[in-house]
């Protein structure tokens, strides 16, 4: 069994910064892609940023230059540094990891966290 848990959300003023973290635990064999998604009321979940096992990154146009994704393979964690936050960044942020387990190292699984709320407001 594998768990993915996010942390670091909260209330921040416009222009402020937050750092989200996500850690995977359990019977993990390998972790491939890691990503952050967000969903605000009435909208579909969207990709914010993703990072491959080789370190290649991809960002939504709306966050380029403001957000930065990084990973620590030794700790099975991924971080999202969010700077110059705007009210439109308000959403529940979800972490997703694509991984294999020690039980079945041939099968790729997508494991989502429960989400962490980020509110940008004065």
N, C-alpha and C. Protein backbone atom coordinates (compact mmCIF):
# COMPACT_ATOMS: atom_id res chain seq x y z
N UNK A 1 0.85 -1.20 0.00
CA UNK A 1 0.00 0.00 0.00
C UNK A 1 0.88 1.24 0.00
N UNK A 2 0.46 2.23 -0.80
CA UNK A 2 1.22 3.46 -0.94
C UNK A 2 0.33 4.64 -0.57
N UNK A 3 0.91 5.59 0.15
CA UNK A 3 0.20 6.83 0.49
C UNK A 3 0.97 8.02 -0.02
N UNK A 4 0.22 9.03 -0.44
CA UNK A 4 0.80 10.29 -0.87
C UNK A 4 0.13 11.38 -0.06
N UNK A 5 0.92 12.19 0.63
CA UNK A 5 0.37 13.19 1.54
C UNK A 5 0.98 14.55 1.25
N UNK A 6 0.10 15.53 1.03
CA UNK A 6 0.55 16.90 0.79
C UNK A 6 0.56 17.69 2.09
N UNK A 7 1.36 18.75 2.10
CA UNK A 7 1.38 19.68 3.24
C UNK A 7 1.83 21.04 2.75
N UNK A 8 1.58 22.06 3.56
CA UNK A 8 2.10 23.39 3.27
C UNK A 8 1.08 24.40 2.78
N UNK A 9 -0.16 23.99 2.61
CA UNK A 9 -1.16 24.95 2.18
C UNK A 9 -1.52 25.93 3.27
N UNK A 10 -2.29 26.94 2.90
CA UNK A 10 -2.71 27.92 3.89
C UNK A 10 -3.17 29.20 3.25
N UNK A 11 -3.30 30.22 4.09
CA UNK A 11 -3.75 31.54 3.64
C UNK A 11 -2.54 32.45 3.46
N UNK A 12 -2.48 33.12 2.34
CA UNK A 12 -1.36 34.03 2.06
C UNK A 12 -1.90 35.25 1.32
N UNK A 13 -1.26 36.38 1.54
CA UNK A 13 -1.67 37.61 0.87
C UNK A 13 -1.17 37.62 -0.57
N UNK A 14 -1.84 38.35 -1.44
CA UNK A 14 -1.35 38.49 -2.81
C UNK A 14 0.10 39.00 -2.82
N UNK A 15 0.90 38.39 -3.68
CA UNK A 15 2.32 38.72 -3.74
C UNK A 15 3.18 37.88 -2.84
N UNK A 16 2.56 37.11 -1.97
CA UNK A 16 3.30 36.29 -1.03
C UNK A 16 3.75 34.97 -1.62
N UNK A 17 4.35 34.15 -0.76
CA UNK A 17 4.90 32.86 -1.19
C UNK A 17 4.43 31.73 -0.28
N UNK A 18 4.37 30.55 -0.86
CA UNK A 18 4.11 29.33 -0.11
C UNK A 18 4.93 28.21 -0.73
N UNK A 19 5.26 27.23 0.09
CA UNK A 19 5.97 26.05 -0.39
C UNK A 19 5.16 24.83 -0.02
N UNK A 20 4.71 24.11 -1.05
CA UNK A 20 3.98 22.87 -0.84
C UNK A 20 4.95 21.70 -0.91
N UNK A 21 4.66 20.70 -0.10
CA UNK A 21 5.45 19.48 -0.12
C UNK A 21 4.53 18.28 -0.25
N UNK A 22 5.06 17.22 -0.83
CA UNK A 22 4.29 15.99 -0.99
C UNK A 22 5.24 14.82 -0.80
N UNK A 23 4.86 13.90 0.06
CA UNK A 23 5.71 12.75 0.35
C UNK A 23 4.95 11.45 0.11
N UNK A 24 5.63 10.52 -0.51
CA UNK A 24 5.07 9.19 -0.73
C UNK A 24 5.70 8.21 0.23
N UNK A 25 4.89 7.29 0.72
CA UNK A 25 5.40 6.27 1.63
C UNK A 25 4.72 4.94 1.36
N UNK A 26 5.34 3.88 1.83
CA UNK A 26 4.78 2.55 1.63
C UNK A 26 5.71 1.68 0.81
N UNK A 27 5.12 0.69 0.18
CA UNK A 27 5.90 -0.31 -0.56
C UNK A 27 6.21 0.15 -1.98
N UNK A 28 7.07 1.15 -2.05
CA UNK A 28 7.40 1.78 -3.33
C UNK A 28 8.63 1.13 -3.94
N UNK A 29 8.53 0.84 -5.23
CA UNK A 29 9.68 0.33 -5.96
C UNK A 29 10.38 1.48 -6.68
N UNK A 30 9.66 2.18 -7.54
CA UNK A 30 10.23 3.33 -8.26
C UNK A 30 9.15 4.39 -8.45
N UNK A 31 9.58 5.66 -8.44
CA UNK A 31 8.67 6.76 -8.74
C UNK A 31 9.13 7.41 -10.03
N UNK A 32 8.24 7.59 -10.94
CA UNK A 32 8.55 8.18 -12.25
C UNK A 32 8.14 9.64 -12.23
N UNK A 33 7.04 9.98 -12.86
CA UNK A 33 6.60 11.37 -12.90
C UNK A 33 5.98 11.78 -11.56
N UNK A 34 6.23 13.02 -11.20
CA UNK A 34 5.57 13.65 -10.05
C UNK A 34 4.94 14.94 -10.55
N UNK A 35 3.77 15.25 -10.04
CA UNK A 35 3.11 16.45 -10.52
C UNK A 35 2.21 17.10 -9.49
N UNK A 36 1.99 18.38 -9.71
CA UNK A 36 1.03 19.15 -8.90
C UNK A 36 -0.12 19.60 -9.80
N UNK A 37 -1.31 19.43 -9.31
CA UNK A 37 -2.52 19.84 -10.00
C UNK A 37 -3.31 20.72 -9.05
N UNK A 38 -4.25 21.46 -9.60
CA UNK A 38 -5.12 22.26 -8.73
C UNK A 38 -6.54 22.30 -9.29
N UNK A 39 -7.45 22.52 -8.36
CA UNK A 39 -8.85 22.61 -8.75
C UNK A 39 -9.53 23.67 -7.89
N UNK A 40 -10.15 24.61 -8.54
CA UNK A 40 -10.92 25.64 -7.84
C UNK A 40 -12.39 25.40 -8.10
N UNK A 41 -13.28 25.96 -7.27
CA UNK A 41 -14.72 25.69 -7.40
C UNK A 41 -15.24 25.98 -8.80
N UNK A 42 -15.97 25.02 -9.34
CA UNK A 42 -16.58 25.21 -10.65
C UNK A 42 -15.65 24.99 -11.83
N UNK A 43 -14.41 24.62 -11.54
CA UNK A 43 -13.44 24.42 -12.62
C UNK A 43 -12.91 22.99 -12.60
N UNK A 44 -12.39 22.58 -13.74
CA UNK A 44 -11.78 21.26 -13.82
C UNK A 44 -10.39 21.27 -13.20
N UNK A 45 -9.97 20.11 -12.76
CA UNK A 45 -8.61 19.99 -12.23
C UNK A 45 -7.63 20.22 -13.38
N UNK A 46 -6.58 21.01 -13.09
CA UNK A 46 -5.62 21.33 -14.14
C UNK A 46 -4.20 21.08 -13.65
N UNK A 47 -3.34 20.78 -14.61
CA UNK A 47 -1.93 20.59 -14.30
C UNK A 47 -1.30 21.94 -13.97
N UNK A 48 -0.54 21.97 -12.88
CA UNK A 48 0.21 23.17 -12.51
C UNK A 48 1.67 23.00 -12.92
N UNK A 49 2.27 21.89 -12.49
CA UNK A 49 3.67 21.64 -12.79
C UNK A 49 3.93 20.15 -12.66
N UNK A 50 4.89 19.67 -13.44
CA UNK A 50 5.26 18.27 -13.38
C UNK A 50 6.76 18.14 -13.55
N UNK A 51 7.29 17.03 -13.02
CA UNK A 51 8.72 16.78 -13.13
C UNK A 51 8.93 15.28 -13.35
N UNK A 52 9.78 14.96 -14.32
CA UNK A 52 10.06 13.55 -14.61
C UNK A 52 11.16 13.02 -13.70
N UNK A 53 11.39 11.73 -13.79
CA UNK A 53 12.45 11.12 -12.98
C UNK A 53 13.82 11.65 -13.38
N UNK A 54 13.93 12.12 -14.61
CA UNK A 54 15.19 12.68 -15.06
C UNK A 54 15.36 14.17 -14.76
N UNK A 55 14.31 14.77 -14.20
CA UNK A 55 14.40 16.17 -13.81
C UNK A 55 13.82 17.16 -14.80
N UNK A 56 13.26 16.69 -15.90
CA UNK A 56 12.61 17.61 -16.84
C UNK A 56 11.32 18.13 -16.24
N UNK A 57 11.08 19.42 -16.47
CA UNK A 57 9.91 20.05 -15.86
C UNK A 57 8.97 20.61 -16.91
N UNK A 58 7.73 20.77 -16.49
CA UNK A 58 6.68 21.31 -17.35
C UNK A 58 5.76 22.15 -16.48
N UNK A 59 5.41 23.35 -16.96
CA UNK A 59 4.58 24.26 -16.17
C UNK A 59 3.39 24.75 -16.98
N UNK A 60 2.30 25.00 -16.29
CA UNK A 60 1.18 25.69 -16.91
C UNK A 60 1.62 27.11 -17.23
N UNK A 61 1.12 27.65 -18.33
CA UNK A 61 1.51 29.00 -18.73
C UNK A 61 1.22 30.02 -17.62
N UNK A 62 0.15 29.79 -16.90
CA UNK A 62 -0.29 30.75 -15.89
C UNK A 62 0.66 30.85 -14.69
N UNK A 63 1.54 29.87 -14.53
CA UNK A 63 2.44 29.89 -13.36
C UNK A 63 3.91 29.99 -13.74
N UNK A 64 4.21 29.99 -15.04
CA UNK A 64 5.61 30.07 -15.46
C UNK A 64 6.27 31.34 -14.94
N UNK A 65 7.47 31.17 -14.40
CA UNK A 65 8.19 32.30 -13.86
C UNK A 65 7.85 32.61 -12.41
N UNK A 66 6.79 32.00 -11.90
CA UNK A 66 6.39 32.24 -10.50
C UNK A 66 6.51 30.99 -9.64
N UNK A 67 6.23 29.83 -10.22
CA UNK A 67 6.26 28.56 -9.48
C UNK A 67 7.47 27.74 -9.92
N UNK A 68 7.96 26.93 -8.99
CA UNK A 68 9.09 26.06 -9.30
C UNK A 68 8.87 24.70 -8.64
N UNK A 69 9.00 23.65 -9.43
CA UNK A 69 8.83 22.30 -8.92
C UNK A 69 10.19 21.64 -8.77
N UNK A 70 10.35 20.86 -7.71
CA UNK A 70 11.60 20.14 -7.49
C UNK A 70 11.28 18.82 -6.79
N UNK A 71 12.23 17.89 -6.87
CA UNK A 71 12.00 16.60 -6.24
C UNK A 71 13.25 16.11 -5.52
N UNK A 72 13.02 15.30 -4.49
CA UNK A 72 14.10 14.67 -3.75
C UNK A 72 13.85 13.17 -3.84
N UNK A 73 14.57 12.51 -4.73
CA UNK A 73 14.32 11.10 -4.97
C UNK A 73 14.65 10.23 -3.76
N UNK A 74 15.62 10.64 -2.99
CA UNK A 74 16.01 9.86 -1.81
C UNK A 74 14.90 9.84 -0.76
N UNK A 75 14.09 10.92 -0.75
CA UNK A 75 13.02 11.03 0.25
C UNK A 75 11.64 10.82 -0.34
N UNK A 76 11.57 10.48 -1.63
CA UNK A 76 10.28 10.28 -2.30
C UNK A 76 9.36 11.49 -2.13
N UNK A 77 9.92 12.66 -2.30
CA UNK A 77 9.16 13.89 -2.10
C UNK A 77 9.23 14.79 -3.33
N UNK A 78 8.22 15.63 -3.45
CA UNK A 78 8.20 16.66 -4.47
C UNK A 78 7.71 17.94 -3.81
N UNK A 79 8.30 19.05 -4.25
CA UNK A 79 7.95 20.35 -3.68
C UNK A 79 7.46 21.28 -4.77
N UNK A 80 6.64 22.25 -4.36
CA UNK A 80 6.20 23.29 -5.27
C UNK A 80 6.41 24.63 -4.56
N UNK A 81 7.38 25.38 -5.04
CA UNK A 81 7.62 26.72 -4.51
C UNK A 81 6.78 27.69 -5.30
N UNK A 82 5.91 28.40 -4.60
CA UNK A 82 4.98 29.31 -5.26
C UNK A 82 5.29 30.74 -4.80
N UNK A 83 5.68 31.57 -5.73
CA UNK A 83 6.00 32.97 -5.44
C UNK A 83 5.05 33.88 -6.19
N UNK A 84 5.01 35.14 -5.76
CA UNK A 84 4.15 36.15 -6.42
C UNK A 84 2.74 35.63 -6.60
N UNK A 85 2.19 35.09 -5.54
CA UNK A 85 0.87 34.47 -5.61
C UNK A 85 -0.22 35.49 -5.91
N UNK A 86 -1.21 35.04 -6.66
CA UNK A 86 -2.33 35.87 -7.08
C UNK A 86 -3.63 35.26 -6.55
N UNK A 87 -4.66 36.05 -6.41
CA UNK A 87 -5.95 35.49 -5.96
C UNK A 87 -6.42 34.34 -6.85
N UNK A 88 -6.12 34.40 -8.13
CA UNK A 88 -6.55 33.33 -9.03
C UNK A 88 -5.78 32.03 -8.83
N UNK A 89 -4.77 32.03 -8.00
CA UNK A 89 -4.07 30.80 -7.64
C UNK A 89 -4.79 30.04 -6.53
N UNK A 90 -5.82 30.64 -5.98
CA UNK A 90 -6.59 29.99 -4.93
C UNK A 90 -7.23 28.71 -5.45
N UNK A 91 -6.97 27.61 -4.77
CA UNK A 91 -7.46 26.31 -5.21
C UNK A 91 -7.03 25.24 -4.21
N UNK A 92 -7.58 24.06 -4.38
CA UNK A 92 -7.05 22.89 -3.70
C UNK A 92 -5.96 22.31 -4.59
N UNK A 93 -4.79 22.13 -4.03
CA UNK A 93 -3.65 21.62 -4.77
C UNK A 93 -3.45 20.14 -4.45
N UNK A 94 -3.34 19.37 -5.51
CA UNK A 94 -3.18 17.92 -5.38
C UNK A 94 -1.83 17.48 -5.94
N UNK A 95 -1.26 16.50 -5.28
CA UNK A 95 -0.03 15.89 -5.74
C UNK A 95 -0.37 14.54 -6.39
N UNK A 96 0.28 14.25 -7.49
CA UNK A 96 0.12 12.95 -8.13
C UNK A 96 1.49 12.35 -8.41
N UNK A 97 1.61 11.08 -8.10
CA UNK A 97 2.86 10.37 -8.39
C UNK A 97 2.56 9.15 -9.25
N UNK A 98 3.39 8.93 -10.24
CA UNK A 98 3.32 7.73 -11.07
C UNK A 98 4.43 6.80 -10.62
N UNK A 99 4.05 5.64 -10.14
CA UNK A 99 5.05 4.78 -9.49
C UNK A 99 4.74 3.31 -9.67
N UNK A 100 5.71 2.50 -9.27
CA UNK A 100 5.51 1.05 -9.17
C UNK A 100 5.74 0.64 -7.73
N UNK A 101 5.15 -0.47 -7.37
CA UNK A 101 5.30 -0.97 -6.01
C UNK A 101 6.16 -2.21 -5.99
N UNK A 102 6.62 -2.57 -4.81
CA UNK A 102 7.43 -3.78 -4.67
C UNK A 102 6.59 -5.03 -4.92
N UNK A 103 5.28 -4.88 -4.78
CA UNK A 103 4.39 -6.01 -5.01
C UNK A 103 4.27 -6.35 -6.50
N UNK A 104 4.32 -5.32 -7.36
CA UNK A 104 4.22 -5.52 -8.80
C UNK A 104 5.02 -4.42 -9.48
N UNK A 105 6.28 -4.69 -9.74
CA UNK A 105 7.17 -3.66 -10.28
C UNK A 105 6.95 -3.43 -11.77
N UNK A 106 6.05 -4.19 -12.39
CA UNK A 106 5.77 -4.02 -13.82
C UNK A 106 4.56 -3.13 -14.06
N UNK A 107 3.80 -2.84 -13.03
CA UNK A 107 2.54 -2.12 -13.20
C UNK A 107 2.67 -0.68 -12.70
N UNK A 108 2.40 0.26 -13.61
CA UNK A 108 2.44 1.67 -13.25
C UNK A 108 1.14 2.07 -12.57
N UNK A 109 1.26 2.77 -11.46
CA UNK A 109 0.09 3.25 -10.74
C UNK A 109 0.13 4.77 -10.64
N UNK A 110 -1.05 5.39 -10.69
CA UNK A 110 -1.18 6.82 -10.41
C UNK A 110 -1.78 6.96 -9.02
N UNK A 111 -1.05 7.59 -8.14
CA UNK A 111 -1.50 7.75 -6.76
C UNK A 111 -1.65 9.23 -6.46
N UNK A 112 -2.82 9.61 -6.00
CA UNK A 112 -3.13 11.01 -5.69
C UNK A 112 -3.15 11.24 -4.18
N UNK A 113 -2.76 12.44 -3.80
CA UNK A 113 -2.93 12.86 -2.42
C UNK A 113 -4.33 13.39 -2.18
N UNK A 114 -4.59 13.76 -0.93
CA UNK A 114 -5.93 14.20 -0.57
C UNK A 114 -6.15 15.69 -0.85
N UNK A 115 -5.10 16.40 -1.15
CA UNK A 115 -5.20 17.82 -1.48
C UNK A 115 -4.91 18.72 -0.30
N UNK A 116 -4.41 19.90 -0.61
CA UNK A 116 -4.17 20.93 0.40
C UNK A 116 -4.66 22.27 -0.15
N UNK A 117 -5.37 23.01 0.69
CA UNK A 117 -6.01 24.24 0.24
C UNK A 117 -5.04 25.42 0.30
N UNK A 118 -4.97 26.13 -0.80
CA UNK A 118 -4.20 27.38 -0.87
C UNK A 118 -5.18 28.51 -1.13
N UNK A 119 -5.18 29.49 -0.24
CA UNK A 119 -6.05 30.64 -0.39
C UNK A 119 -5.21 31.90 -0.46
N UNK A 120 -5.37 32.65 -1.55
CA UNK A 120 -4.62 33.90 -1.73
C UNK A 120 -5.63 35.04 -1.64
N UNK A 121 -5.52 35.79 -0.54
CA UNK A 121 -6.49 36.83 -0.28
C UNK A 121 -5.92 37.84 0.69
N UNK A 122 -6.35 39.07 0.54
CA UNK A 122 -5.93 40.12 1.47
C UNK A 122 -6.97 40.27 2.58
